[in-house]
């Protein structure tokens, strides 16, 4: 590791960023240096500009991906190098208006049944059952499960926040059976040699099951979280309760699910049927 990369890593750690964010931000600067074949501290403002033009126009990255690059590179120049670049205030990724994919309850069951590896199947089942992010699910420890209170503790979620989420008795019972057979002396609930299972591996397993299921949706592991929230809303759960379970900072983030439920669409159809029935031809 170069001294420059080491310094940026230490700066990010001092600023309180999570391990995953530290890795992500460092990778953005690595890609910037790779694009120009030069050390990033030697790059000019025009070269940084050219890199963002490349990300937007040639790689056509999503808004969220460009934002990660912007945040990582801006931190590197302004915090680690103590250097202000005007171009970094100019870059403004366009907000995305796309709604995420959502699986029906039956589609969730179909996909999960196709996953034969017990550790991956239980991990994905729990991610859906508790509305977890993939990073939250894979890092769960045995001590995070409170069977008596029927809750699960999420440690160091997004923004470094802890939270408790309800754990229904059915997945809790599945978890108990799984624990007796597959967790042998590990602190992690979903162990692998040297630690816990990897997000990339779990994503690969899930996408393979989606393909085998015949479900024609661009579903990822994160889709299970979207689906969990949508299904709760369809069952009449309060939007603010869902916000707290998901660990959202703002209710605005959770409001997206009000546009995604089949039952709301059905209610709207019934309302429109009554309103339009007596219209003249």
C-alpha atoms as a PDB file:
ATOM      1  CA  UNK A   1       0.000   0.000   0.000  1.00  0.00           C
ATOM      2  CA  UNK A   2       1.365   3.409  -0.964  1.00  0.00           C
ATOM      3  CA  UNK A   3       1.804   6.113   1.714  1.00  0.00           C
ATOM      4  CA  UNK A   4      -0.820   8.234  -0.088  1.00  0.00           C
ATOM      5  CA  UNK A   5      -3.419   5.470  -0.001  1.00  0.00           C
ATOM      6  CA  UNK A   6      -2.570   4.746   3.625  1.00  0.00           C
ATOM      7  CA  UNK A   7      -3.092   8.391   4.534  1.00  0.00           C
ATOM      8  CA  UNK A   8      -6.461   8.548   2.782  1.00  0.00           C
ATOM      9  CA  UNK A   9      -7.548   5.377   4.558  1.00  0.00           C
ATOM     10  CA  UNK A  10      -6.571   6.820   7.915  1.00  0.00           C
ATOM     11  CA  UNK A  11      -8.372  10.101   7.123  1.00  0.00           C
ATOM     12  CA  UNK A  12     -11.543   8.182   6.267  1.00  0.00           C
ATOM     13  CA  UNK A  13     -11.289   6.120   9.442  1.00  0.00           C
ATOM     14  CA  UNK A  14     -10.784   9.252  11.534  1.00  0.00           C
ATOM     15  CA  UNK A  15     -13.844  10.775   9.867  1.00  0.00           C
ATOM     16  CA  UNK A  16     -15.890   7.809  11.074  1.00  0.00           C
ATOM     17  CA  UNK A  17     -16.675   6.131   7.760  1.00  0.00           C
ATOM     18  CA  UNK A  18     -17.616   2.446   7.731  1.00  0.00           C
ATOM     19  CA  UNK A  19     -15.169  -0.185   6.482  1.00  0.00           C
ATOM     20  CA  UNK A  20     -17.203  -0.692   3.320  1.00  0.00           C
ATOM     21  CA  UNK A  21     -17.314   3.048   2.550  1.00  0.00           C
ATOM     22  CA  UNK A  22     -13.563   3.334   3.153  1.00  0.00           C
ATOM     23  CA  UNK A  23     -12.927   0.586   0.595  1.00  0.00           C
ATOM     24  CA  UNK A  24     -15.370   2.121  -1.869  1.00  0.00           C
ATOM     25  CA  UNK A  25     -13.899   5.641  -1.665  1.00  0.00           C
ATOM     26  CA  UNK A  26     -10.339   4.392  -1.995  1.00  0.00           C
ATOM     27  CA  UNK A  27     -11.363   2.404  -5.049  1.00  0.00           C
ATOM     28  CA  UNK A  28     -12.734   5.545  -6.737  1.00  0.00           C
ATOM     29  CA  UNK A  29      -9.352   7.234  -6.445  1.00  0.00           C
ATOM     30  CA  UNK A  30      -7.608   4.078  -7.650  1.00  0.00           C
ATOM     31  CA  UNK A  31      -9.817   4.109 -10.778  1.00  0.00           C
ATOM     32  CA  UNK A  32      -9.062   7.798 -11.344  1.00  0.00           C
ATOM     33  CA  UNK A  33      -5.318   7.092 -11.217  1.00  0.00           C
ATOM     34  CA  UNK A  34      -5.694   4.035 -13.463  1.00  0.00           C
ATOM     35  CA  UNK A  35      -7.595   6.063 -16.075  1.00  0.00           C
ATOM     36  CA  UNK A  36      -4.771   8.605 -16.387  1.00  0.00           C
ATOM     37  CA  UNK A  37      -1.893   6.215 -15.592  1.00  0.00           C
ATOM     38  CA  UNK A  38      -0.549   8.671 -13.039  1.00  0.00           C
ATOM     39  CA  UNK A  39      -0.499   9.120  -9.294  1.00  0.00           C
ATOM     40  CA  UNK A  40      -3.760  10.925  -8.328  1.00  0.00           C
ATOM     41  CA  UNK A  41      -1.958  13.665  -6.397  1.00  0.00           C
ATOM     42  CA  UNK A  42      -0.262  14.737  -9.652  1.00  0.00           C
ATOM     43  CA  UNK A  43      -3.475  15.138 -11.665  1.00  0.00           C
ATOM     44  CA  UNK A  44      -4.718  18.505 -12.839  1.00  0.00           C
ATOM     45  CA  UNK A  45      -8.259  19.781 -12.463  1.00  0.00           C
ATOM     46  CA  UNK A  46      -8.803  19.296 -16.199  1.00  0.00           C
ATOM     47  CA  UNK A  47      -7.784  15.640 -15.903  1.00  0.00           C
ATOM     48  CA  UNK A  48     -10.277  15.126 -13.080  1.00  0.00           C
ATOM     49  CA  UNK A  49     -12.925  16.751 -15.271  1.00  0.00           C
ATOM     50  CA  UNK A  50     -12.079  14.400 -18.156  1.00  0.00           C
ATOM     51  CA  UNK A  51     -12.524  11.411 -15.853  1.00  0.00           C
ATOM     52  CA  UNK A  52     -16.052  12.440 -14.833  1.00  0.00           C
ATOM     53  CA  UNK A  53     -16.956  13.093 -18.483  1.00  0.00           C
ATOM     54  CA  UNK A  54     -15.780   9.532 -19.183  1.00  0.00           C
ATOM     55  CA  UNK A  55     -17.910   8.112 -16.340  1.00  0.00           C
ATOM     56  CA  UNK A  56     -21.046   9.925 -17.517  1.00  0.00           C
ATOM     57  CA  UNK A  57     -20.746   9.805 -21.313  1.00  0.00           C
ATOM     58  CA  UNK A  58     -18.804   6.603 -22.024  1.00  0.00           C
ATOM     59  CA  UNK A  59     -19.451   4.283 -19.093  1.00  0.00           C
ATOM     60  CA  UNK A  60     -22.918   5.778 -18.596  1.00  0.00           C
ATOM     61  CA  UNK A  61     -22.874   5.067 -14.887  1.00  0.00           C
ATOM     62  CA  UNK A  62     -25.991   5.464 -12.781  1.00  0.00           C
ATOM     63  CA  UNK A  63     -26.559   8.508 -10.599  1.00  0.00           C
ATOM     64  CA  UNK A  64     -25.699   6.545  -7.461  1.00  0.00           C
ATOM     65  CA  UNK A  65     -22.421   5.255  -8.925  1.00  0.00           C
ATOM     66  CA  UNK A  66     -21.315   8.728 -10.092  1.00  0.00           C
ATOM     67  CA  UNK A  67     -22.187  10.068  -6.635  1.00  0.00           C
ATOM     68  CA  UNK A  68     -19.881   7.495  -5.005  1.00  0.00           C
ATOM     69  CA  UNK A  69     -17.046   8.563  -7.314  1.00  0.00           C
ATOM     70  CA  UNK A  70     -17.743  12.216  -6.575  1.00  0.00           C
ATOM     71  CA  UNK A  71     -17.752  11.723  -2.805  1.00  0.00           C
ATOM     72  CA  UNK A  72     -14.621   9.562  -2.796  1.00  0.00           C
ATOM     73  CA  UNK A  73     -12.554  11.785  -5.086  1.00  0.00           C
ATOM     74  CA  UNK A  74     -13.737  14.960  -3.375  1.00  0.00           C
ATOM     75  CA  UNK A  75     -12.705  13.559   0.004  1.00  0.00           C
ATOM     76  CA  UNK A  76      -9.289  12.645  -1.370  1.00  0.00           C
ATOM     77  CA  UNK A  77      -8.551  16.097  -2.774  1.00  0.00           C
ATOM     78  CA  UNK A  78     -10.156  18.265  -0.115  1.00  0.00           C
ATOM     79  CA  UNK A  79      -9.326  16.268   3.027  1.00  0.00           C
ATOM     80  CA  UNK A  80      -6.232  14.214   2.256  1.00  0.00           C
ATOM     81  CA  UNK A  81      -4.507  16.623  -0.150  1.00  0.00           C
ATOM     82  CA  UNK A  82      -6.053  19.841   1.269  1.00  0.00           C
ATOM     83  CA  UNK A  83      -6.700  20.920  -2.305  1.00  0.00           C
ATOM     84  CA  UNK A  84      -9.903  22.545  -3.587  1.00  0.00           C
ATOM     85  CA  UNK A  85     -11.084  21.707  -7.120  1.00  0.00           C
ATOM     86  CA  UNK A  86     -13.931  23.785  -8.582  1.00  0.00           C
ATOM     87  CA  UNK A  87     -14.934  20.951 -10.939  1.00  0.00           C
ATOM     88  CA  UNK A  88     -16.036  18.841  -7.962  1.00  0.00           C
ATOM     89  CA  UNK A  89     -18.681  21.438  -7.128  1.00  0.00           C
ATOM     90  CA  UNK A  90     -19.883  21.374 -10.735  1.00  0.00           C
ATOM     91  CA  UNK A  91     -20.516  17.617 -10.971  1.00  0.00           C
ATOM     92  CA  UNK A  92     -24.198  17.060 -10.170  1.00  0.00           C
ATOM     93  CA  UNK A  93     -25.540  13.616 -11.090  1.00  0.00           C
ATOM     94  CA  UNK A  94     -29.143  13.762 -12.299  1.00  0.00           C
ATOM     95  CA  UNK A  95     -31.609  12.337  -9.772  1.00  0.00           C
ATOM     96  CA  UNK A  96     -32.986   8.935 -10.695  1.00  0.00           C
ATOM     97  CA  UNK A  97     -36.749   8.586 -11.036  1.00  0.00           C
ATOM     98  CA  UNK A  98     -36.789   4.823 -11.579  1.00  0.00           C
ATOM     99  CA  UNK A  99     -38.744   2.625  -9.199  1.00  0.00           C
ATOM    100  CA  UNK A 100     -36.933  -0.492  -7.945  1.00  0.00           C
ATOM    101  CA  UNK A 101     -38.122  -3.967  -8.835  1.00  0.00           C
ATOM    102  CA  UNK A 102     -40.409  -5.700  -6.337  1.00  0.00           C
ATOM    103  CA  UNK A 103     -41.098  -9.423  -6.057  1.00  0.00           C
ATOM    104  CA  UNK A 104     -44.497 -10.793  -5.093  1.00  0.00           C
ATOM    105  CA  UNK A 105     -44.699 -12.956  -1.973  1.00  0.00           C
ATOM    106  CA  UNK A 106     -45.075 -16.049  -4.149  1.00  0.00           C
ATOM    107  CA  UNK A 107     -42.019 -15.090  -6.231  1.00  0.00           C
ATOM    108  CA  UNK A 108     -39.952 -14.667  -3.057  1.00  0.00           C
ATOM    109  CA  UNK A 109     -40.956 -18.163  -1.885  1.00  0.00           C
ATOM    110  CA  UNK A 110     -40.214 -19.690  -5.290  1.00  0.00           C
ATOM    111  CA  UNK A 111     -36.743 -18.166  -5.508  1.00  0.00           C
ATOM    112  CA  UNK A 112     -35.725 -19.033  -1.944  1.00  0.00           C
ATOM    113  CA  UNK A 113     -36.805 -22.668  -2.384  1.00  0.00           C
ATOM    114  CA  UNK A 114     -34.382 -22.998  -5.310  1.00  0.00           C
ATOM    115  CA  UNK A 115     -31.372 -22.168  -3.107  1.00  0.00           C
ATOM    116  CA  UNK A 116     -30.037 -25.482  -1.829  1.00  0.00           C
ATOM    117  CA  UNK A 117     -27.009 -24.352   0.199  1.00  0.00           C
ATOM    118  CA  UNK A 118     -28.373 -24.067   3.762  1.00  0.00           C
ATOM    119  CA  UNK A 119     -26.200 -21.125   4.821  1.00  0.00           C
ATOM    120  CA  UNK A 120     -27.039 -18.998   1.785  1.00  0.00           C
ATOM    121  CA  UNK A 121     -30.720 -19.967   1.914  1.00  0.00           C
ATOM    122  CA  UNK A 122     -31.000 -19.000   5.587  1.00  0.00           C
ATOM    123  CA  UNK A 123     -29.110 -15.747   5.031  1.00  0.00           C
ATOM    124  CA  UNK A 124     -31.410 -14.714   2.186  1.00  0.00           C
ATOM    125  CA  UNK A 125     -34.504 -15.813   4.092  1.00  0.00           C
ATOM    126  CA  UNK A 126     -33.505 -13.667   7.059  1.00  0.00           C
ATOM    127  CA  UNK A 127     -32.654 -10.688   4.832  1.00  0.00           C
ATOM    128  CA  UNK A 128     -36.206 -10.829   3.463  1.00  0.00           C
ATOM    129  CA  UNK A 129     -37.875 -11.622   6.799  1.00  0.00           C
ATOM    130  CA  UNK A 130     -36.254  -8.622   8.505  1.00  0.00           C
ATOM    131  CA  UNK A 131     -35.841  -6.190   5.594  1.00  0.00           C
ATOM    132  CA  UNK A 132     -32.048  -6.113   5.909  1.00  0.00           C
ATOM    133  CA  UNK A 133     -29.400  -4.672   3.653  1.00  0.00           C
ATOM    134  CA  UNK A 134     -27.027  -7.341   2.336  1.00  0.00           C
ATOM    135  CA  UNK A 135     -24.122  -5.884   4.341  1.00  0.00           C
ATOM    136  CA  UNK A 136     -26.235  -6.071   7.511  1.00  0.00           C
ATOM    137  CA  UNK A 137     -27.279  -9.655   6.876  1.00  0.00           C
ATOM    138  CA  UNK A 138     -23.910 -11.220   6.172  1.00  0.00           C
ATOM    139  CA  UNK A 139     -22.303  -9.662   9.266  1.00  0.00           C
ATOM    140  CA  UNK A 140     -24.906 -10.884  11.768  1.00  0.00           C
ATOM    141  CA  UNK A 141     -23.533 -12.587  14.841  1.00  0.00           C
ATOM    142  CA  UNK A 142     -25.128 -15.240  17.019  1.00  0.00           C
ATOM    143  CA  UNK A 143     -25.397 -12.746  19.888  1.00  0.00           C
ATOM    144  CA  UNK A 144     -27.498 -10.444  17.691  1.00  0.00           C
ATOM    145  CA  UNK A 145     -30.493 -12.792  17.913  1.00  0.00           C
ATOM    146  CA  UNK A 146     -32.766 -12.312  20.927  1.00  0.00           C
ATOM    147  CA  UNK A 147     -35.129 -15.274  20.785  1.00  0.00           C
ATOM    148  CA  UNK A 148     -37.060 -14.348  23.923  1.00  0.00           C
ATOM    149  CA  UNK A 149     -37.926 -10.855  22.737  1.00  0.00           C
ATOM    150  CA  UNK A 150     -38.172 -12.015  19.109  1.00  0.00           C
ATOM    151  CA  UNK A 151     -35.942  -9.247  17.814  1.00  0.00           C
ATOM    152  CA  UNK A 152     -32.740  -9.040  15.829  1.00  0.00           C
ATOM    153  CA  UNK A 153     -30.087  -6.401  16.481  1.00  0.00           C
ATOM    154  CA  UNK A 154     -28.539  -4.725  13.454  1.00  0.00           C
ATOM    155  CA  UNK A 155     -25.118  -3.402  14.386  1.00  0.00           C
ATOM    156  CA  UNK A 156     -23.480  -0.511  12.583  1.00  0.00           C
ATOM    157  CA  UNK A 157     -26.108  -0.135   9.874  1.00  0.00           C
ATOM    158  CA  UNK A 158     -26.051   2.657   7.314  1.00  0.00           C
ATOM    159  CA  UNK A 159     -24.792   5.828   8.938  1.00  0.00           C
ATOM    160  CA  UNK A 160     -23.196   3.783  11.726  1.00  0.00           C
ATOM    161  CA  UNK A 161     -26.556   3.343  13.480  1.00  0.00           C
ATOM    162  CA  UNK A 162     -27.709   0.306  15.470  1.00  0.00           C
ATOM    163  CA  UNK A 163     -31.368  -0.728  15.453  1.00  0.00           C
ATOM    164  CA  UNK A 164     -33.643  -3.567  16.501  1.00  0.00           C
ATOM    165  CA  UNK A 165     -35.983  -5.209  14.008  1.00  0.00           C
ATOM    166  CA  UNK A 166     -38.800  -7.678  14.735  1.00  0.00           C
ATOM    167  CA  UNK A 167     -38.064 -11.354  14.093  1.00  0.00           C
ATOM    168  CA  UNK A 168     -41.232 -13.335  13.412  1.00  0.00           C
ATOM    169  CA  UNK A 169     -41.585 -16.692  15.149  1.00  0.00           C
ATOM    170  CA  UNK A 170     -41.546 -18.699  11.892  1.00  0.00           C
ATOM    171  CA  UNK A 171     -38.140 -17.471  10.613  1.00  0.00           C
ATOM    172  CA  UNK A 172     -36.954 -17.617  14.236  1.00  0.00           C
ATOM    173  CA  UNK A 173     -37.802 -21.323  14.351  1.00  0.00           C
ATOM    174  CA  UNK A 174     -36.073 -21.862  10.994  1.00  0.00           C
ATOM    175  CA  UNK A 175     -33.073 -20.045  12.413  1.00  0.00           C
ATOM    176  CA  UNK A 176     -32.973 -22.291  15.476  1.00  0.00           C
ATOM    177  CA  UNK A 177     -32.978 -25.443  13.353  1.00  0.00           C
ATOM    178  CA  UNK A 178     -30.336 -23.952  11.080  1.00  0.00           C
ATOM    179  CA  UNK A 179     -28.164 -22.979  14.048  1.00  0.00           C
ATOM    180  CA  UNK A 180     -28.166 -26.488  15.515  1.00  0.00           C
ATOM    181  CA  UNK A 181     -26.994 -28.010  12.232  1.00  0.00           C
ATOM    182  CA  UNK A 182     -24.738 -25.434  10.591  1.00  0.00           C
ATOM    183  CA  UNK A 183     -23.214 -22.994  13.083  1.00  0.00           C
ATOM    184  CA  UNK A 184     -20.365 -24.736  14.859  1.00  0.00           C
ATOM    185  CA  UNK A 185     -18.490 -22.539  17.271  1.00  0.00           C
ATOM    186  CA  UNK A 186     -18.514 -19.457  15.026  1.00  0.00           C
ATOM    187  CA  UNK A 187     -19.390 -15.998  16.291  1.00  0.00           C
ATOM    188  CA  UNK A 188     -20.989 -15.281  12.924  1.00  0.00           C
ATOM    189  CA  UNK A 189     -24.455 -16.524  12.096  1.00  0.00           C
ATOM    190  CA  UNK A 190     -23.471 -17.203   8.472  1.00  0.00           C
ATOM    191  CA  UNK A 191     -19.856 -18.363   8.732  1.00  0.00           C
ATOM    192  CA  UNK A 192     -17.184 -19.192   6.239  1.00  0.00           C
ATOM    193  CA  UNK A 193     -13.523 -19.941   6.798  1.00  0.00           C
ATOM    194  CA  UNK A 194     -11.921 -16.851   8.296  1.00  0.00           C
ATOM    195  CA  UNK A 195     -15.119 -14.887   8.933  1.00  0.00           C
ATOM    196  CA  UNK A 196     -18.600 -14.491   7.445  1.00  0.00           C
ATOM    197  CA  UNK A 197     -19.970 -15.195   3.972  1.00  0.00           C
ATOM    198  CA  UNK A 198     -19.242 -12.625   1.279  1.00  0.00           C
ATOM    199  CA  UNK A 199     -21.761 -10.246  -0.269  1.00  0.00           C
ATOM    200  CA  UNK A 200     -20.592 -10.993  -3.824  1.00  0.00           C
ATOM    201  CA  UNK A 201     -21.036 -14.734  -3.327  1.00  0.00           C
ATOM    202  CA  UNK A 202     -24.516 -14.304  -1.863  1.00  0.00           C
ATOM    203  CA  UNK A 203     -25.475 -12.022  -4.757  1.00  0.00           C
ATOM    204  CA  UNK A 204     -24.275 -14.605  -7.281  1.00  0.00           C
ATOM    205  CA  UNK A 205     -26.255 -17.386  -5.592  1.00  0.00           C
ATOM    206  CA  UNK A 206     -29.411 -15.262  -5.511  1.00  0.00           C
ATOM    207  CA  UNK A 207     -29.228 -14.153  -9.146  1.00  0.00           C
ATOM    208  CA  UNK A 208     -28.723 -17.757 -10.253  1.00  0.00           C
ATOM    209  CA  UNK A 209     -31.896 -18.748  -8.382  1.00  0.00           C
ATOM    210  CA  UNK A 210     -33.810 -15.856  -9.987  1.00  0.00           C
ATOM    211  CA  UNK A 211     -32.786 -17.079 -13.453  1.00  0.00           C
ATOM    212  CA  UNK A 212     -33.798 -20.653 -12.617  1.00  0.00           C
ATOM    213  CA  UNK A 213     -37.149 -19.507 -11.234  1.00  0.00           C
ATOM    214  CA  UNK A 214     -38.235 -17.924 -14.498  1.00  0.00           C
ATOM    215  CA  UNK A 215     -39.076 -14.662 -12.703  1.00  0.00           C
ATOM    216  CA  UNK A 216     -38.545 -12.014 -15.352  1.00  0.00           C
ATOM    217  CA  UNK A 217     -37.481  -9.138 -13.099  1.00  0.00           C
ATOM    218  CA  UNK A 218     -34.072  -7.452 -12.550  1.00  0.00           C
ATOM    219  CA  UNK A 219     -33.956  -8.752  -8.982  1.00  0.00           C
ATOM    220  CA  UNK A 220     -30.925  -8.554  -6.695  1.00  0.00           C
ATOM    221  CA  UNK A 221     -30.536  -9.360  -3.009  1.00  0.00           C
ATOM    222  CA  UNK A 222     -31.545  -5.752  -2.246  1.00  0.00           C
ATOM    223  CA  UNK A 223     -34.840  -6.475  -4.021  1.00  0.00           C
ATOM    224  CA  UNK A 224     -35.746  -8.684  -1.040  1.00  0.00           C
ATOM    225  CA  UNK A 225     -35.568  -5.582   1.186  1.00  0.00           C
ATOM    226  CA  UNK A 226     -37.771  -3.591  -1.208  1.00  0.00           C
ATOM    227  CA  UNK A 227     -40.205  -6.489  -1.374  1.00  0.00           C
ATOM    228  CA  UNK A 228     -40.365  -6.844   2.424  1.00  0.00           C
ATOM    229  CA  UNK A 229     -41.275  -3.162   2.824  1.00  0.00           C
ATOM    230  CA  UNK A 230     -43.855  -3.299   0.036  1.00  0.00           C
ATOM    231  CA  UNK A 231     -45.499  -6.420   1.451  1.00  0.00           C
ATOM    232  CA  UNK A 232     -45.734  -4.822   4.904  1.00  0.00           C
ATOM    233  CA  UNK A 233     -47.405  -1.774   3.381  1.00  0.00           C
ATOM    234  CA  UNK A 234     -49.839  -3.980   1.469  1.00  0.00           C
ATOM    235  CA  UNK A 235     -50.790  -5.622   4.775  1.00  0.00           C
ATOM    236  CA  UNK A 236     -51.708  -2.207   6.176  1.00  0.00           C
ATOM    237  CA  UNK A 237     -48.610  -1.512   8.269  1.00  0.00           C
ATOM    238  CA  UNK A 238     -47.918   2.136   9.108  1.00  0.00           C
ATOM    239  CA  UNK A 239     -45.311   3.809   6.893  1.00  0.00           C
ATOM    240  CA  UNK A 240     -43.448   5.246   9.894  1.00  0.00           C
ATOM    241  CA  UNK A 241     -43.125   1.815  11.476  1.00  0.00           C
ATOM    242  CA  UNK A 242     -41.669   0.518   8.205  1.00  0.00           C
ATOM    243  CA  UNK A 243     -39.252   3.468   8.174  1.00  0.00           C
ATOM    244  CA  UNK A 244     -37.928   2.509  11.614  1.00  0.00           C
ATOM    245  CA  UNK A 245     -37.599  -1.180  10.730  1.00  0.00           C
ATOM    246  CA  UNK A 246     -35.633  -0.370   7.575  1.00  0.00           C
ATOM    247  CA  UNK A 247     -33.428   2.155   9.372  1.00  0.00           C
ATOM    248  CA  UNK A 248     -34.219   5.027   7.014  1.00  0.00           C
ATOM    249  CA  UNK A 249     -33.195   8.483   8.201  1.00  0.00           C
ATOM    250  CA  UNK A 250     -36.055  10.196   6.395  1.00  0.00           C
ATOM    251  CA  UNK A 251     -39.669   9.222   5.753  1.00  0.00           C
ATOM    252  CA  UNK A 252     -39.166  10.519   2.197  1.00  0.00           C
ATOM    253  CA  UNK A 253     -36.988   7.482   1.456  1.00  0.00           C
ATOM    254  CA  UNK A 254     -39.683   5.100   2.702  1.00  0.00           C
ATOM    255  CA  UNK A 255     -42.480   6.872   0.794  1.00  0.00           C
ATOM    256  CA  UNK A 256     -41.299   5.276  -2.455  1.00  0.00           C
ATOM    257  CA  UNK A 257     -43.074   2.070  -1.437  1.00  0.00           C
ATOM    258  CA  UNK A 258     -46.464   3.752  -1.604  1.00  0.00           C
ATOM    259  CA  UNK A 259     -46.067   3.728  -5.396  1.00  0.00           C
ATOM    260  CA  UNK A 260     -45.246   0.043  -5.612  1.00  0.00           C
ATOM    261  CA  UNK A 261     -48.031  -1.996  -4.039  1.00  0.00           C
ATOM    262  CA  UNK A 262     -50.508  -4.173  -5.903  1.00  0.00           C
ATOM    263  CA  UNK A 263     -53.231  -3.628  -3.310  1.00  0.00           C
ATOM    264  CA  UNK A 264     -53.067   0.148  -3.643  1.00  0.00           C
ATOM    265  CA  UNK A 265     -53.362  -0.280  -7.406  1.00  0.00           C
ATOM    266  CA  UNK A 266     -56.386  -2.547  -6.926  1.00  0.00           C
ATOM    267  CA  UNK A 267     -58.059  -0.040  -4.587  1.00  0.00           C
ATOM    268  CA  UNK A 268     -57.459   2.694  -7.143  1.00  0.00           C
ATOM    269  CA  UNK A 269     -59.095   0.567  -9.849  1.00  0.00           C
ATOM    270  CA  UNK A 270     -62.179   0.037  -7.686  1.00  0.00           C
ATOM    271  CA  UNK A 271     -62.388   3.769  -7.002  1.00  0.00           C
ATOM    272  CA  UNK A 272     -62.036   4.635 -10.679  1.00  0.00           C
ATOM    273  CA  UNK A 273     -64.641   2.021 -11.650  1.00  0.00           C
ATOM    274  CA  UNK A 274     -67.185   3.819  -9.458  1.00  0.00           C
ATOM    275  CA  UNK A 275     -66.185   7.275 -10.637  1.00  0.00           C
ATOM    276  CA  UNK A 276     -66.284   6.432 -14.341  1.00  0.00           C
ATOM    277  CA  UNK A 277     -69.371   4.209 -14.392  1.00  0.00           C
ATOM    278  CA  UNK A 278     -71.902   6.957 -15.170  1.00  0.00           C
ATOM    279  CA  UNK A 279     -69.834   8.968 -17.618  1.00  0.00           C
ATOM    280  CA  UNK A 280     -71.645   9.704 -20.850  1.00  0.00           C
ATOM    281  CA  UNK A 281     -70.250   8.068 -24.008  1.00  0.00           C
END
